[in-house]
Amino acid sequence: FALFALLGGGAWMWAQSLAATQGADGWLSALAG
């Protein structure tokens, strides 16, 4: 479960970072996460 939590957290941060590079912010960034 700890590994799944890390995987989920990593996926969340990666998605938000990717969204930020595309100019998305606020609810769009959260949606990507």
Full PDB file with SEQRES, HELIX, SHEET, SSBOND, CRYST1, ORIGX, SCALE, CONECT and MASTER records, all heavy atoms in Angstrom:
SEQRES   1 A   33  PHE ALA LEU PHE ALA LEU LEU GLY GLY GLY ALA TRP MET          
SEQRES   2 A   33  TRP ALA GLN SER LEU ALA ALA THR GLN GLY ALA ASP GLY          
SEQRES   3 A   33  TRP LEU SER ALA LEU ALA GLY                                  
HELIX    1 AA1 ALA A    2  THR A   21  1                                  20    
HELIX    2 AA2 TRP A   27  ALA A   32  1                                   6    
CRYST1    1.000    1.000    1.000  90.00  90.00  90.00 P 1           1          
ORIGX1      1.000000  0.000000  0.000000        0.00000                         
ORIGX2      0.000000  1.000000  0.000000        0.00000                         
ORIGX3      0.000000  0.000000  1.000000        0.00000                         
SCALE1      1.000000  0.000000  0.000000        0.00000                         
SCALE2      0.000000  1.000000  0.000000        0.00000                         
SCALE3      0.000000  0.000000  1.000000        0.00000                         
ATOM      1  N   PHE A   1       0.826  -1.208   0.000  1.00  0.00           N  
ATOM      2  CA  PHE A   1       0.000   0.000   0.000  1.00  0.00           C  
ATOM      3  C   PHE A   1       0.860   1.258   0.000  1.00  0.00           C  
ATOM      4  O   PHE A   1       0.496   2.279  -0.593  1.00  0.00           O  
ATOM      5  CB  PHE A   1      -0.948  -0.005   1.192  1.00  0.00           C  
ATOM      6  CG  PHE A   1      -2.151  -0.881   1.007  1.00  0.00           C  
ATOM      7  CD1 PHE A   1      -2.680  -1.594   2.068  1.00  0.00           C  
ATOM      8  CD2 PHE A   1      -2.753  -1.010  -0.227  1.00  0.00           C  
ATOM      9  CE1 PHE A   1      -3.793  -2.407   1.909  1.00  0.00           C  
ATOM     10  CE2 PHE A   1      -3.867  -1.818  -0.417  1.00  0.00           C  
ATOM     11  CZ  PHE A   1      -4.389  -2.519   0.652  1.00  0.00           C  
ATOM     12  N   ALA A   2       2.008   1.196   0.682  1.00  0.00           N  
ATOM     13  CA  ALA A   2       2.922   2.347   0.675  1.00  0.00           C  
ATOM     14  C   ALA A   2       3.445   2.602  -0.741  1.00  0.00           C  
ATOM     15  O   ALA A   2       3.538   3.761  -1.179  1.00  0.00           O  
ATOM     16  CB  ALA A   2       4.082   2.099   1.630  1.00  0.00           C  
ATOM     17  N   LEU A   3       3.775   1.529  -1.460  1.00  0.00           N  
ATOM     18  CA  LEU A   3       4.244   1.690  -2.834  1.00  0.00           C  
ATOM     19  C   LEU A   3       3.142   2.243  -3.731  1.00  0.00           C  
ATOM     20  O   LEU A   3       3.414   3.074  -4.608  1.00  0.00           O  
ATOM     21  CB  LEU A   3       4.743   0.345  -3.375  1.00  0.00           C  
ATOM     22  CG  LEU A   3       6.047  -0.166  -2.767  1.00  0.00           C  
ATOM     23  CD1 LEU A   3       6.363  -1.573  -3.274  1.00  0.00           C  
ATOM     24  CD2 LEU A   3       7.200   0.778  -3.094  1.00  0.00           C  
ATOM     25  N   PHE A   4       1.906   1.795  -3.511  1.00  0.00           N  
ATOM     26  CA  PHE A   4       0.799   2.342  -4.284  1.00  0.00           C  
ATOM     27  C   PHE A   4       0.588   3.818  -3.972  1.00  0.00           C  
ATOM     28  O   PHE A   4       0.276   4.611  -4.871  1.00  0.00           O  
ATOM     29  CB  PHE A   4      -0.489   1.565  -3.997  1.00  0.00           C  
ATOM     30  CG  PHE A   4      -0.759   0.467  -4.989  1.00  0.00           C  
ATOM     31  CD1 PHE A   4      -0.486  -0.852  -4.678  1.00  0.00           C  
ATOM     32  CD2 PHE A   4      -1.294   0.761  -6.236  1.00  0.00           C  
ATOM     33  CE1 PHE A   4      -0.732  -1.861  -5.588  1.00  0.00           C  
ATOM     34  CE2 PHE A   4      -1.536  -0.242  -7.154  1.00  0.00           C  
ATOM     35  CZ  PHE A   4      -1.257  -1.553  -6.837  1.00  0.00           C  
ATOM     36  N   ALA A   5       0.757   4.188  -2.705  1.00  0.00           N  
ATOM     37  CA  ALA A   5       0.620   5.598  -2.333  1.00  0.00           C  
ATOM     38  C   ALA A   5       1.694   6.439  -3.019  1.00  0.00           C  
ATOM     39  O   ALA A   5       1.416   7.527  -3.529  1.00  0.00           O  
ATOM     40  CB  ALA A   5       0.708   5.748  -0.812  1.00  0.00           C  
ATOM     41  N   LEU A   6       2.920   5.919  -3.048  1.00  0.00           N  
ATOM     42  CA  LEU A   6       3.994   6.634  -3.729  1.00  0.00           C  
ATOM     43  C   LEU A   6       3.727   6.733  -5.221  1.00  0.00           C  
ATOM     44  O   LEU A   6       3.978   7.773  -5.849  1.00  0.00           O  
ATOM     45  CB  LEU A   6       5.328   5.923  -3.477  1.00  0.00           C  
ATOM     46  CG  LEU A   6       5.902   6.036  -2.063  1.00  0.00           C  
ATOM     47  CD1 LEU A   6       7.137   5.144  -1.920  1.00  0.00           C  
ATOM     48  CD2 LEU A   6       6.263   7.487  -1.754  1.00  0.00           C  
ATOM     49  N   LEU A   7       3.233   5.638  -5.796  1.00  0.00           N  
ATOM     50  CA  LEU A   7       2.923   5.636  -7.222  1.00  0.00           C  
ATOM     51  C   LEU A   7       1.824   6.645  -7.538  1.00  0.00           C  
ATOM     52  O   LEU A   7       1.913   7.415  -8.503  1.00  0.00           O  
ATOM     53  CB  LEU A   7       2.492   4.234  -7.655  1.00  0.00           C  
ATOM     54  CG  LEU A   7       2.184   4.035  -9.141  1.00  0.00           C  
ATOM     55  CD1 LEU A   7       3.407   4.317  -9.985  1.00  0.00           C  
ATOM     56  CD2 LEU A   7       1.686   2.603  -9.378  1.00  0.00           C  
ATOM     57  N   GLY A   8       0.778   6.662  -6.699  1.00  0.00           N  
ATOM     58  CA  GLY A   8      -0.304   7.611  -6.906  1.00  0.00           C  
ATOM     59  C   GLY A   8       0.149   9.050  -6.734  1.00  0.00           C  
ATOM     60  O   GLY A   8      -0.205   9.929  -7.525  1.00  0.00           O  
ATOM     61  N   GLY A   9       0.964   9.285  -5.694  1.00  0.00           N  
ATOM     62  CA  GLY A   9       1.485  10.631  -5.477  1.00  0.00           C  
ATOM     63  C   GLY A   9       2.381  11.084  -6.612  1.00  0.00           C  
ATOM     64  O   GLY A   9       2.321  12.240  -7.057  1.00  0.00           O  
ATOM     65  N   GLY A  10       3.215  10.170  -7.095  1.00  0.00           N  
ATOM     66  CA  GLY A  10       4.083  10.502  -8.221  1.00  0.00           C  
ATOM     67  C   GLY A  10       3.288  10.809  -9.480  1.00  0.00           C  
ATOM     68  O   GLY A  10       3.611  11.744 -10.222  1.00  0.00           O  
ATOM     69  N   ALA A  11       2.226  10.010  -9.722  1.00  0.00           N  
ATOM     70  CA  ALA A  11       1.381  10.241 -10.896  1.00  0.00           C  
ATOM     71  C   ALA A  11       0.682  11.591 -10.791  1.00  0.00           C  
ATOM     72  O   ALA A  11       0.556  12.327 -11.782  1.00  0.00           O  
ATOM     73  CB  ALA A  11       0.355   9.117 -11.033  1.00  0.00           C  
ATOM     74  N   TRP A  12       0.210  11.925  -9.583  1.00  0.00           N  
ATOM     75  CA  TRP A  12      -0.458  13.218  -9.353  1.00  0.00           C  
ATOM     76  C   TRP A  12       0.493  14.378  -9.666  1.00  0.00           C  
ATOM     77  O   TRP A  12       0.124  15.307 -10.400  1.00  0.00           O  
ATOM     78  CB  TRP A  12      -0.938  13.280  -7.909  1.00  0.00           C  
ATOM     79  CG  TRP A  12      -1.492  14.619  -7.489  1.00  0.00           C  
ATOM     80  CD1 TRP A  12      -0.791  15.734  -7.121  1.00  0.00           C  
ATOM     81  CD2 TRP A  12      -2.873  14.978  -7.402  1.00  0.00           C  
ATOM     82  NE1 TRP A  12      -1.629  16.762  -6.810  1.00  0.00           N  
ATOM     83  CE2 TRP A  12      -2.926  16.332  -6.969  1.00  0.00           C  
ATOM     84  CE3 TRP A  12      -4.068  14.299  -7.628  1.00  0.00           C  
ATOM     85  CZ2 TRP A  12      -4.123  17.001  -6.771  1.00  0.00           C  
ATOM     86  CZ3 TRP A  12      -5.269  14.966  -7.411  1.00  0.00           C  
ATOM     87  CH2 TRP A  12      -5.287  16.294  -7.002  1.00  0.00           C  
ATOM     88  N   MET A  13       1.693  14.320  -9.109  1.00  0.00           N  
ATOM     89  CA  MET A  13       2.652  15.423  -9.318  1.00  0.00           C  
ATOM     90  C   MET A  13       3.090  15.508 -10.778  1.00  0.00           C  
ATOM     91  O   MET A  13       3.250  16.607 -11.316  1.00  0.00           O  
ATOM     92  CB  MET A  13       3.856  15.236  -8.398  1.00  0.00           C  
ATOM     93  CG  MET A  13       3.534  15.458  -6.932  1.00  0.00           C  
ATOM     94  SD  MET A  13       4.997  15.432  -5.858  1.00  0.00           S  
ATOM     95  CE  MET A  13       5.447  13.698  -5.973  1.00  0.00           C  
ATOM     96  N   TRP A  14       3.297  14.360 -11.411  1.00  0.00           N  
ATOM     97  CA  TRP A  14       3.688  14.365 -12.823  1.00  0.00           C  
ATOM     98  C   TRP A  14       2.600  14.992 -13.690  1.00  0.00           C  
ATOM     99  O   TRP A  14       2.879  15.809 -14.572  1.00  0.00           O  
ATOM    100  CB  TRP A  14       3.972  12.948 -13.289  1.00  0.00           C  
ATOM    101  CG  TRP A  14       4.216  12.856 -14.764  1.00  0.00           C  
ATOM    102  CD1 TRP A  14       5.371  13.127 -15.431  1.00  0.00           C  
ATOM    103  CD2 TRP A  14       3.249  12.488 -15.764  1.00  0.00           C  
ATOM    104  NE1 TRP A  14       5.196  12.947 -16.785  1.00  0.00           N  
ATOM    105  CE2 TRP A  14       3.910  12.558 -17.016  1.00  0.00           C  
ATOM    106  CE3 TRP A  14       1.910  12.102 -15.717  1.00  0.00           C  
ATOM    107  CZ2 TRP A  14       3.255  12.255 -18.204  1.00  0.00           C  
ATOM    108  CZ3 TRP A  14       1.260  11.804 -16.909  1.00  0.00           C  
ATOM    109  CH2 TRP A  14       1.934  11.884 -18.129  1.00  0.00           C  
ATOM    110  N   ALA A  15       1.339  14.615 -13.425  1.00  0.00           N  
ATOM    111  CA  ALA A  15       0.234  15.136 -14.222  1.00  0.00           C  
ATOM    112  C   ALA A  15       0.083  16.640 -14.032  1.00  0.00           C  
ATOM    113  O   ALA A  15      -0.147  17.385 -14.997  1.00  0.00           O  
ATOM    114  CB  ALA A  15      -1.064  14.422 -13.848  1.00  0.00           C  
ATOM    115  N   GLN A  16       0.222  17.099 -12.792  1.00  0.00           N  
ATOM    116  CA  GLN A  16       0.100  18.530 -12.548  1.00  0.00           C  
ATOM    117  C   GLN A  16       1.264  19.307 -13.171  1.00  0.00           C  
ATOM    118  O   GLN A  16       1.077  20.403 -13.696  1.00  0.00           O  
ATOM    119  CB  GLN A  16       0.021  18.802 -11.036  1.00  0.00           C  
ATOM    120  CG  GLN A  16      -1.300  18.379 -10.414  1.00  0.00           C  
ATOM    121  CD  GLN A  16      -1.543  19.057  -9.088  1.00  0.00           C  
ATOM    122  OE1 GLN A  16      -0.631  19.237  -8.292  1.00  0.00           O  
ATOM    123  NE2 GLN A  16      -2.786  19.446  -8.851  1.00  0.00           N  
ATOM    124  N   SER A  17       2.455  18.717 -13.102  1.00  0.00           N  
ATOM    125  CA  SER A  17       3.611  19.367 -13.717  1.00  0.00           C  
ATOM    126  C   SER A  17       3.437  19.448 -15.226  1.00  0.00           C  
ATOM    127  O   SER A  17       3.734  20.479 -15.849  1.00  0.00           O  
ATOM    128  CB  SER A  17       4.890  18.591 -13.375  1.00  0.00           C  
ATOM    129  OG  SER A  17       6.007  19.128 -14.043  1.00  0.00           O  
ATOM    130  N   LEU A  18       2.938  18.379 -15.823  1.00  0.00           N  
ATOM    131  CA  LEU A  18       2.697  18.372 -17.264  1.00  0.00           C  
ATOM    132  C   LEU A  18       1.643  19.402 -17.642  1.00  0.00           C  
ATOM    133  O   LEU A  18       1.776  20.114 -18.648  1.00  0.00           O  
ATOM    134  CB  LEU A  18       2.256  16.974 -17.706  1.00  0.00           C  
ATOM    135  CG  LEU A  18       1.998  16.780 -19.208  1.00  0.00           C  
ATOM    136  CD1 LEU A  18       3.283  17.027 -19.997  1.00  0.00           C  
ATOM    137  CD2 LEU A  18       1.467  15.372 -19.475  1.00  0.00           C  
ATOM    138  N   ALA A  19       0.590  19.479 -16.812  1.00  0.00           N  
ATOM    139  CA  ALA A  19      -0.466  20.456 -17.084  1.00  0.00           C  
ATOM    140  C   ALA A  19       0.077  21.879 -16.993  1.00  0.00           C  
ATOM    141  O   ALA A  19      -0.296  22.748 -17.789  1.00  0.00           O  
ATOM    142  CB  ALA A  19      -1.621  20.259 -16.106  1.00  0.00           C  
ATOM    143  N   ALA A  20       0.980  22.102 -16.018  1.00  0.00           N  
ATOM    144  CA  ALA A  20       1.547  23.436 -15.845  1.00  0.00           C  
ATOM    145  C   ALA A  20       2.383  23.842 -17.055  1.00  0.00           C  
ATOM    146  O   ALA A  20       2.380  25.011 -17.472  1.00  0.00           O  
ATOM    147  CB  ALA A  20       2.390  23.487 -14.581  1.00  0.00           C  
ATOM    148  N   THR A  21       3.097  22.885 -17.642  1.00  0.00           N  
ATOM    149  CA  THR A  21       3.914  23.211 -18.812  1.00  0.00           C  
ATOM    150  C   THR A  21       3.047  23.573 -20.023  1.00  0.00           C  
ATOM    151  O   THR A  21       3.520  24.212 -20.959  1.00  0.00           O  
ATOM    152  CB  THR A  21       4.827  22.024 -19.195  1.00  0.00           C  
ATOM    153  OG1 THR A  21       4.019  20.896 -19.551  1.00  0.00           O  
ATOM    154  CG2 THR A  21       5.752  21.665 -18.043  1.00  0.00           C  
ATOM    155  N   GLN A  22       1.772  23.149 -19.978  1.00  0.00           N  
ATOM    156  CA  GLN A  22       0.842  23.465 -21.067  1.00  0.00           C  
ATOM    157  C   GLN A  22       0.022  24.720 -20.778  1.00  0.00           C  
ATOM    158  O   GLN A  22      -0.903  25.049 -21.515  1.00  0.00           O  
ATOM    159  CB  GLN A  22      -0.097  22.272 -21.303  1.00  0.00           C  
ATOM    160  CG  GLN A  22       0.604  20.971 -21.636  1.00  0.00           C  
ATOM    161  CD  GLN A  22       1.446  21.068 -22.893  1.00  0.00           C  
ATOM    162  OE1 GLN A  22       0.994  21.611 -23.904  1.00  0.00           O  
ATOM    163  NE2 GLN A  22       2.678  20.563 -22.845  1.00  0.00           N  
ATOM    164  N   GLY A  23       0.387  25.381 -19.664  1.00  0.00           N  
ATOM    165  CA  GLY A  23      -0.290  26.624 -19.337  1.00  0.00           C  
ATOM    166  C   GLY A  23      -1.547  26.466 -18.512  1.00  0.00           C  
ATOM    167  O   GLY A  23      -2.250  27.447 -18.247  1.00  0.00           O  
ATOM    168  N   ALA A  24      -1.857  25.239 -18.096  1.00  0.00           N  
ATOM    169  CA  ALA A  24      -3.061  25.017 -17.289  1.00  0.00           C  
ATOM    170  C   ALA A  24      -2.774  25.357 -15.839  1.00  0.00           C  
ATOM    171  O   ALA A  24      -1.666  25.189 -15.346  1.00  0.00           O  
ATOM    172  CB  ALA A  24      -3.507  23.560 -17.407  1.00  0.00           C  
ATOM    173  N   ASP A  25      -3.780  25.850 -15.137  1.00  0.00           N  
ATOM    174  CA  ASP A  25      -3.629  26.103 -13.707  1.00  0.00           C  
ATOM    175  C   ASP A  25      -4.991  25.933 -13.037  1.00  0.00           C  
ATOM    176  O   ASP A  25      -5.987  25.658 -13.686  1.00  0.00           O  
ATOM    177  CB  ASP A  25      -3.059  27.506 -13.455  1.00  0.00           C  
ATOM    178  CG  ASP A  25      -3.899  28.602 -14.081  1.00  0.00           C  
ATOM    179  OD1 ASP A  25      -5.021  28.298 -14.557  1.00  0.00           O  
ATOM    180  OD2 ASP A  25      -3.439  29.752 -14.099  1.00  0.00           O  
ATOM    181  N   GLY A  26      -4.990  26.081 -11.724  1.00  0.00           N  
ATOM    182  CA  GLY A  26      -6.246  25.983 -10.985  1.00  0.00           C  
ATOM    183  C   GLY A  26      -6.925  24.640 -11.149  1.00  0.00           C  
ATOM    184  O   GLY A  26      -6.313  23.586 -10.980  1.00  0.00           O  
ATOM    185  N   TRP A  27      -8.218  24.674 -11.512  1.00  0.00           N  
ATOM    186  CA  TRP A  27      -9.001  23.445 -11.546  1.00  0.00           C  
ATOM    187  C   TRP A  27      -8.558  22.505 -12.662  1.00  0.00           C  
ATOM    188  O   TRP A  27      -8.692  21.282 -12.538  1.00  0.00           O  
ATOM    189  CB  TRP A  27     -10.484  23.773 -11.707  1.00  0.00           C  
ATOM    190  CG  TRP A  27     -10.868  24.342 -13.038  1.00  0.00           C  
ATOM    191  CD1 TRP A  27     -10.872  25.639 -13.417  1.00  0.00           C  
ATOM    192  CD2 TRP A  27     -11.319  23.586 -14.173  1.00  0.00           C  
ATOM    193  NE1 TRP A  27     -11.270  25.767 -14.726  1.00  0.00           N  
ATOM    194  CE2 TRP A  27     -11.567  24.535 -15.209  1.00  0.00           C  
ATOM    195  CE3 TRP A  27     -11.521  22.240 -14.420  1.00  0.00           C  
ATOM    196  CZ2 TRP A  27     -12.002  24.141 -16.475  1.00  0.00           C  
ATOM    197  CZ3 TRP A  27     -11.968  21.853 -15.672  1.00  0.00           C  
ATOM    198  CH2 TRP A  27     -12.206  22.789 -16.687  1.00  0.00           C  
ATOM    199  N   LEU A  28      -7.974  23.049 -13.743  1.00  0.00           N  
ATOM    200  CA  LEU A  28      -7.493  22.182 -14.821  1.00  0.00           C  
ATOM    201  C   LEU A  28      -6.304  21.341 -14.359  1.00  0.00           C  
ATOM    202  O   LEU A  28      -6.180  20.158 -14.691  1.00  0.00           O  
ATOM    203  CB  LEU A  28      -7.109  23.024 -16.036  1.00  0.00           C  
ATOM    204  CG  LEU A  28      -8.263  23.591 -16.864  1.00  0.00           C  
ATOM    205  CD1 LEU A  28      -7.726  24.493 -17.966  1.00  0.00           C  
ATOM    206  CD2 LEU A  28      -9.105  22.464 -17.447  1.00  0.00           C  
ATOM    207  N   SER A  29      -5.424  21.972 -13.581  1.00  0.00           N  
ATOM    208  CA  SER A  29      -4.278  21.243 -13.040  1.00  0.00           C  
ATOM    209  C   SER A  29      -4.735  20.159 -12.079  1.00  0.00           C  
ATOM    210  O   SER A  29      -4.231  19.038 -12.094  1.00  0.00           O  
ATOM    211  CB  SER A  29      -3.335  22.232 -12.338  1.00  0.00           C  
ATOM    212  OG  SER A  29      -2.226  21.552 -11.796  1.00  0.00           O  
ATOM    213  N   ALA A  30      -5.703  20.505 -11.223  1.00  0.00           N  
ATOM    214  CA  ALA A  30      -6.245  19.518 -10.278  1.00  0.00           C  
ATOM    215  C   ALA A  30      -6.933  18.382 -11.025  1.00  0.00           C  
ATOM    216  O   ALA A  30      -6.821  17.201 -10.642  1.00  0.00           O  
ATOM    217  CB  ALA A  30      -7.218  20.188  -9.321  1.00  0.00           C  
ATOM    218  N   LEU A  31      -7.637  18.721 -12.105  1.00  0.00           N  
ATOM    219  CA  LEU A  31      -8.317  17.705 -12.912  1.00  0.00           C  
ATOM    220  C   LEU A  31      -7.309  16.730 -13.515  1.00  0.00           C  
ATOM    221  O   LEU A  31      -7.546  15.515 -13.566  1.00  0.00           O  
ATOM    222  CB  LEU A  31      -9.133  18.370 -14.013  1.00  0.00           C  
ATOM    223  CG  LEU A  31      -9.969  17.429 -14.908  1.00  0.00           C  
ATOM    224  CD1 LEU A  31     -10.997  16.698 -14.066  1.00  0.00           C  
ATOM    225  CD2 LEU A  31     -10.641  18.230 -16.025  1.00  0.00           C  
ATOM    226  N   ALA A  32      -6.183  17.264 -13.965  1.00  0.00           N  
ATOM    227  CA  ALA A  32      -5.134  16.402 -14.518  1.00  0.00           C  
ATOM    228  C   ALA A  32      -4.606  15.454 -13.448  1.00  0.00           C  
ATOM    229  O   ALA A  32      -4.358  14.273 -13.710  1.00  0.00           O  
ATOM    230  CB  ALA A  32      -4.000  17.252 -15.079  1.00  0.00           C  
ATOM    231  N   GLY A  33      -4.441  15.975 -12.226  1.00  0.00           N  
ATOM    232  CA  GLY A  33      -3.984  15.130 -11.129  1.00  0.00           C  
ATOM    233  C   GLY A  33      -4.964  14.027 -10.808  1.00  0.00           C  
ATOM    234  O   GLY A  33      -4.575  12.867 -10.614  1.00  0.00           O  
TER     235      GLY A  33                                                      
MASTER        0    0    0    2    0    0    0    6  234    1    0    3          
END                                                                             
